[in-house]
Amino acid sequence: MNWKEEYKQFTGNKKELDLLENGAKSLAESWHLQAMYNKWKRLKGISDEHP
């Protein structure tokens, strides 16, 4: 399962579900998608910081 499929469990927002299904069609939508990815990483406890 990829992050997009997993994130669907955390949102009921129709716009977010559409982004997850169909991808971004504008720069603003790509920013929103990136924010959703970052939120998913926080929910999963995934860190970008290196020791």
PDB file of N, CA and C in Angstrom:
ATOM      1  N   MET A   1       0.847  -1.183   0.000  1.00  0.00           N
ATOM      2  CA  MET A   1       0.000   0.000   0.000  1.00  0.00           C
ATOM      3  C   MET A   1       0.893   1.247   0.000  1.00  0.00           C
ATOM      4  N   ASN A   2       0.572   2.207  -0.836  1.00  0.00           N
ATOM      5  CA  ASN A   2       1.363   3.419  -0.862  1.00  0.00           C
ATOM      6  C   ASN A   2       0.752   4.478   0.076  1.00  0.00           C
ATOM      7  N   TRP A   3       1.442   5.577   0.249  1.00  0.00           N
ATOM      8  CA  TRP A   3       1.006   6.583   1.209  1.00  0.00           C
ATOM      9  C   TRP A   3      -0.351   7.172   0.836  1.00  0.00           C
ATOM     10  N   LYS A   4      -0.625   7.314  -0.453  1.00  0.00           N
ATOM     11  CA  LYS A   4      -1.896   7.908  -0.878  1.00  0.00           C
ATOM     12  C   LYS A   4      -3.078   7.023  -0.480  1.00  0.00           C
ATOM     13  N   GLU A   5      -2.934   5.726  -0.673  1.00  0.00           N
ATOM     14  CA  GLU A   5      -4.007   4.801  -0.297  1.00  0.00           C
ATOM     15  C   GLU A   5      -4.205   4.814   1.217  1.00  0.00           C
ATOM     16  N   GLU A   6      -3.119   4.862   1.945  1.00  0.00           N
ATOM     17  CA  GLU A   6      -3.199   4.860   3.398  1.00  0.00           C
ATOM     18  C   GLU A   6      -3.800   6.167   3.928  1.00  0.00           C
ATOM     19  N   TYR A   7      -3.458   7.284   3.290  1.00  0.00           N
ATOM     20  CA  TYR A   7      -3.946   8.592   3.741  1.00  0.00           C
ATOM     21  C   TYR A   7      -5.461   8.720   3.595  1.00  0.00           C
ATOM     22  N   LYS A   8      -6.036   7.997   2.660  1.00  0.00           N
ATOM     23  CA  LYS A   8      -7.492   8.057   2.451  1.00  0.00           C
ATOM     24  C   LYS A   8      -8.254   7.698   3.721  1.00  0.00           C
ATOM     25  N   GLN A   9      -7.644   6.913   4.593  1.00  0.00           N
ATOM     26  CA  GLN A   9      -8.283   6.536   5.852  1.00  0.00           C
ATOM     27  C   GLN A   9      -8.356   7.716   6.819  1.00  0.00           C
ATOM     28  N   PHE A  10      -7.492   8.731   6.616  1.00  0.00           N
ATOM     29  CA  PHE A  10      -7.401   9.855   7.539  1.00  0.00           C
ATOM     30  C   PHE A  10      -8.215  11.069   7.098  1.00  0.00           C
ATOM     31  N   THR A  11      -8.819  11.033   5.909  1.00  0.00           N
ATOM     32  CA  THR A  11      -9.550  12.197   5.418  1.00  0.00           C
ATOM     33  C   THR A  11     -10.886  11.795   4.819  1.00  0.00           C
ATOM     34  N   GLY A  12     -11.826  12.691   4.954  1.00  0.00           N
ATOM     35  CA  GLY A  12     -13.121  12.533   4.300  1.00  0.00           C
ATOM     36  C   GLY A  12     -13.360  13.696   3.355  1.00  0.00           C
ATOM     37  N   ASN A  13     -12.357  14.580   3.260  1.00  0.00           N
ATOM     38  CA  ASN A  13     -12.437  15.775   2.436  1.00  0.00           C
ATOM     39  C   ASN A  13     -12.449  15.377   0.958  1.00  0.00           C
ATOM     40  N   LYS A  14     -13.503  15.800   0.236  1.00  0.00           N
ATOM     41  CA  LYS A  14     -13.651  15.402  -1.169  1.00  0.00           C
ATOM     42  C   LYS A  14     -12.523  15.929  -2.038  1.00  0.00           C
ATOM     43  N   LYS A  15     -12.055  17.161  -1.767  1.00  0.00           N
ATOM     44  CA  LYS A  15     -10.958  17.729  -2.551  1.00  0.00           C
ATOM     45  C   LYS A  15      -9.677  16.917  -2.348  1.00  0.00           C
ATOM     46  N   GLU A  16      -9.403  16.552  -1.097  1.00  0.00           N
ATOM     47  CA  GLU A  16      -8.213  15.759  -0.813  1.00  0.00           C
ATOM     48  C   GLU A  16      -8.314  14.377  -1.436  1.00  0.00           C
ATOM     49  N   LEU A  17      -9.472  13.763  -1.361  1.00  0.00           N
ATOM     50  CA  LEU A  17      -9.656  12.446  -1.981  1.00  0.00           C
ATOM     51  C   LEU A  17      -9.450  12.521  -3.495  1.00  0.00           C
ATOM     52  N   ASP A  18      -9.930  13.619  -4.116  1.00  0.00           N
ATOM     53  CA  ASP A  18      -9.744  13.811  -5.550  1.00  0.00           C
ATOM     54  C   ASP A  18      -8.256  13.966  -5.878  1.00  0.00           C
ATOM     55  N   LEU A  19      -7.532  14.724  -5.069  1.00  0.00           N
ATOM     56  CA  LEU A  19      -6.089  14.883  -5.279  1.00  0.00           C
ATOM     57  C   LEU A  19      -5.369  13.542  -5.170  1.00  0.00           C
ATOM     58  N   LEU A  20      -5.752  12.746  -4.191  1.00  0.00           N
ATOM     59  CA  LEU A  20      -5.122  11.444  -3.997  1.00  0.00           C
ATOM     60  C   LEU A  20      -5.395  10.512  -5.175  1.00  0.00           C
ATOM     61  N   GLU A  21      -6.583  10.592  -5.733  1.00  0.00           N
ATOM     62  CA  GLU A  21      -6.966   9.725  -6.842  1.00  0.00           C
ATOM     63  C   GLU A  21      -6.386  10.194  -8.175  1.00  0.00           C
ATOM     64  N   ASN A  22      -6.456  11.508  -8.424  1.00  0.00           N
ATOM     65  CA  ASN A  22      -6.162  12.027  -9.760  1.00  0.00           C
ATOM     66  C   ASN A  22      -4.889  12.859  -9.869  1.00  0.00           C
ATOM     67  N   GLY A  23      -4.261  13.164  -8.746  1.00  0.00           N
ATOM     68  CA  GLY A  23      -3.042  13.963  -8.786  1.00  0.00           C
ATOM     69  C   GLY A  23      -3.318  15.448  -8.916  1.00  0.00           C
ATOM     70  N   ALA A  24      -2.258  16.228  -8.789  1.00  0.00           N
ATOM     71  CA  ALA A  24      -2.357  17.682  -8.833  1.00  0.00           C
ATOM     72  C   ALA A  24      -2.429  18.172 -10.277  1.00  0.00           C
ATOM     73  N   LYS A  25      -3.241  19.203 -10.483  1.00  0.00           N
ATOM     74  CA  LYS A  25      -3.380  19.803 -11.810  1.00  0.00           C
ATOM     75  C   LYS A  25      -2.918  21.257 -11.817  1.00  0.00           C
ATOM     76  N   SER A  26      -2.427  21.730 -10.672  1.00  0.00           N
ATOM     77  CA  SER A  26      -1.928  23.098 -10.581  1.00  0.00           C
ATOM     78  C   SER A  26      -0.829  23.141  -9.519  1.00  0.00           C
ATOM     79  N   LEU A  27      -0.123  24.268  -9.479  1.00  0.00           N
ATOM     80  CA  LEU A  27       0.935  24.427  -8.494  1.00  0.00           C
ATOM     81  C   LEU A  27       0.354  24.406  -7.081  1.00  0.00           C
ATOM     82  N   ALA A  28      -0.768  25.081  -6.869  1.00  0.00           N
ATOM     83  CA  ALA A  28      -1.392  25.112  -5.547  1.00  0.00           C
ATOM     84  C   ALA A  28      -1.817  23.712  -5.108  1.00  0.00           C
ATOM     85  N   GLU A  29      -2.345  22.932  -6.039  1.00  0.00           N
ATOM     86  CA  GLU A  29      -2.734  21.558  -5.697  1.00  0.00           C
ATOM     87  C   GLU A  29      -1.511  20.710  -5.361  1.00  0.00           C
ATOM     88  N   SER A  30      -0.395  20.961  -6.038  1.00  0.00           N
ATOM     89  CA  SER A  30       0.813  20.194  -5.725  1.00  0.00           C
ATOM     90  C   SER A  30       1.309  20.537  -4.325  1.00  0.00           C
ATOM     91  N   TRP A  31       1.179  21.814  -3.930  1.00  0.00           N
ATOM     92  CA  TRP A  31       1.548  22.202  -2.564  1.00  0.00           C
ATOM     93  C   TRP A  31       0.659  21.497  -1.547  1.00  0.00           C
ATOM     94  N   HIS A  32      -0.638  21.438  -1.839  1.00  0.00           N
ATOM     95  CA  HIS A  32      -1.585  20.777  -0.939  1.00  0.00           C
ATOM     96  C   HIS A  32      -1.243  19.287  -0.821  1.00  0.00           C
ATOM     97  N   LEU A  33      -0.933  18.664  -1.941  1.00  0.00           N
ATOM     98  CA  LEU A  33      -0.571  17.248  -1.938  1.00  0.00           C
ATOM     99  C   LEU A  33       0.698  17.015  -1.119  1.00  0.00           C
ATOM    100  N   GLN A  34       1.673  17.912  -1.243  1.00  0.00           N
ATOM    101  CA  GLN A  34       2.902  17.804  -0.465  1.00  0.00           C
ATOM    102  C   GLN A  34       2.616  17.956   1.023  1.00  0.00           C
ATOM    103  N   ALA A  35       1.724  18.883   1.377  1.00  0.00           N
ATOM    104  CA  ALA A  35       1.345  19.071   2.781  1.00  0.00           C
ATOM    105  C   ALA A  35       0.673  17.810   3.321  1.00  0.00           C
ATOM    106  N   MET A  36      -0.150  17.171   2.512  1.00  0.00           N
ATOM    107  CA  MET A  36      -0.805  15.934   2.921  1.00  0.00           C
ATOM    108  C   MET A  36       0.232  14.832   3.134  1.00  0.00           C
ATOM    109  N   TYR A  37       1.240  14.771   2.259  1.00  0.00           N
ATOM    110  CA  TYR A  37       2.301  13.773   2.394  1.00  0.00           C
ATOM    111  C   TYR A  37       3.079  14.003   3.692  1.00  0.00           C
ATOM    112  N   ASN A  38       3.392  15.265   3.974  1.00  0.00           N
ATOM    113  CA  ASN A  38       4.112  15.583   5.210  1.00  0.00           C
ATOM    114  C   ASN A  38       3.283  15.232   6.447  1.00  0.00           C
ATOM    115  N   LYS A  39       1.976  15.477   6.382  1.00  0.00           N
ATOM    116  CA  LYS A  39       1.096  15.118   7.507  1.00  0.00           C
ATOM    117  C   LYS A  39       1.074  13.599   7.687  1.00  0.00           C
ATOM    118  N   TRP A  40       1.004  12.859   6.583  1.00  0.00           N
ATOM    119  CA  TRP A  40       1.014  11.394   6.658  1.00  0.00           C
ATOM    120  C   TRP A  40       2.304  10.908   7.314  1.00  0.00           C
ATOM    121  N   LYS A  41       3.454  11.506   6.929  1.00  0.00           N
ATOM    122  CA  LYS A  41       4.726  11.108   7.541  1.00  0.00           C
ATOM    123  C   LYS A  41       4.719  11.376   9.043  1.00  0.00           C
ATOM    124  N   ARG A  42       4.180  12.527   9.465  1.00  0.00           N
ATOM    125  CA  ARG A  42       4.100  12.819  10.909  1.00  0.00           C
ATOM    126  C   ARG A  42       3.219  11.799  11.612  1.00  0.00           C
ATOM    127  N   LEU A  43       2.073  11.462  11.004  1.00  0.00           N
ATOM    128  CA  LEU A  43       1.170  10.474  11.602  1.00  0.00           C
ATOM    129  C   LEU A  43       1.840   9.113  11.744  1.00  0.00           C
ATOM    130  N   LYS A  44       2.727   8.773  10.799  1.00  0.00           N
ATOM    131  CA  LYS A  44       3.405   7.485  10.819  1.00  0.00           C
ATOM    132  C   LYS A  44       4.694   7.511  11.645  1.00  0.00           C
ATOM    133  N   GLY A  45       5.095   8.716  12.082  1.00  0.00           N
ATOM    134  CA  GLY A  45       6.323   8.833  12.856  1.00  0.00           C
ATOM    135  C   GLY A  45       7.572   8.755  12.009  1.00  0.00           C
ATOM    136  N   ILE A  46       7.463   9.114  10.742  1.00  0.00           N
ATOM    137  CA  ILE A  46       8.611   9.094   9.841  1.00  0.00           C
ATOM    138  C   ILE A  46       9.280  10.460   9.879  1.00  0.00           C
ATOM    139  N   SER A  47      10.599  10.456  10.073  1.00  0.00           N
ATOM    140  CA  SER A  47      11.364  11.702  10.183  1.00  0.00           C
ATOM    141  C   SER A  47      12.326  11.838   9.013  1.00  0.00           C
ATOM    142  N   ASP A  48      12.490  13.061   8.528  1.00  0.00           N
ATOM    143  CA  ASP A  48      13.464  13.336   7.469  1.00  0.00           C
ATOM    144  C   ASP A  48      14.820  13.662   8.037  1.00  0.00           C
ATOM    145  N   GLU A  49      14.895  13.873   9.355  1.00  0.00           N
ATOM    146  CA  GLU A  49      16.151  14.274   9.964  1.00  0.00           C
ATOM    147  C   GLU A  49      17.102  13.090  10.042  1.00  0.00           C
ATOM    148  N   HIS A  50      18.343  13.375   9.751  1.00  0.00           N
ATOM    149  CA  HIS A  50      19.380  12.345   9.800  1.00  0.00           C
ATOM    150  C   HIS A  50      20.225  12.535  11.051  1.00  0.00           C
ATOM    151  N   PRO A  51      20.651  11.451  11.667  1.00  0.00           N
ATOM    152  CA  PRO A  51      21.434  11.560  12.901  1.00  0.00           C
ATOM    153  C   PRO A  51      22.786  12.197  12.700  1.00  0.00           C
TER     154      PRO A  51
END
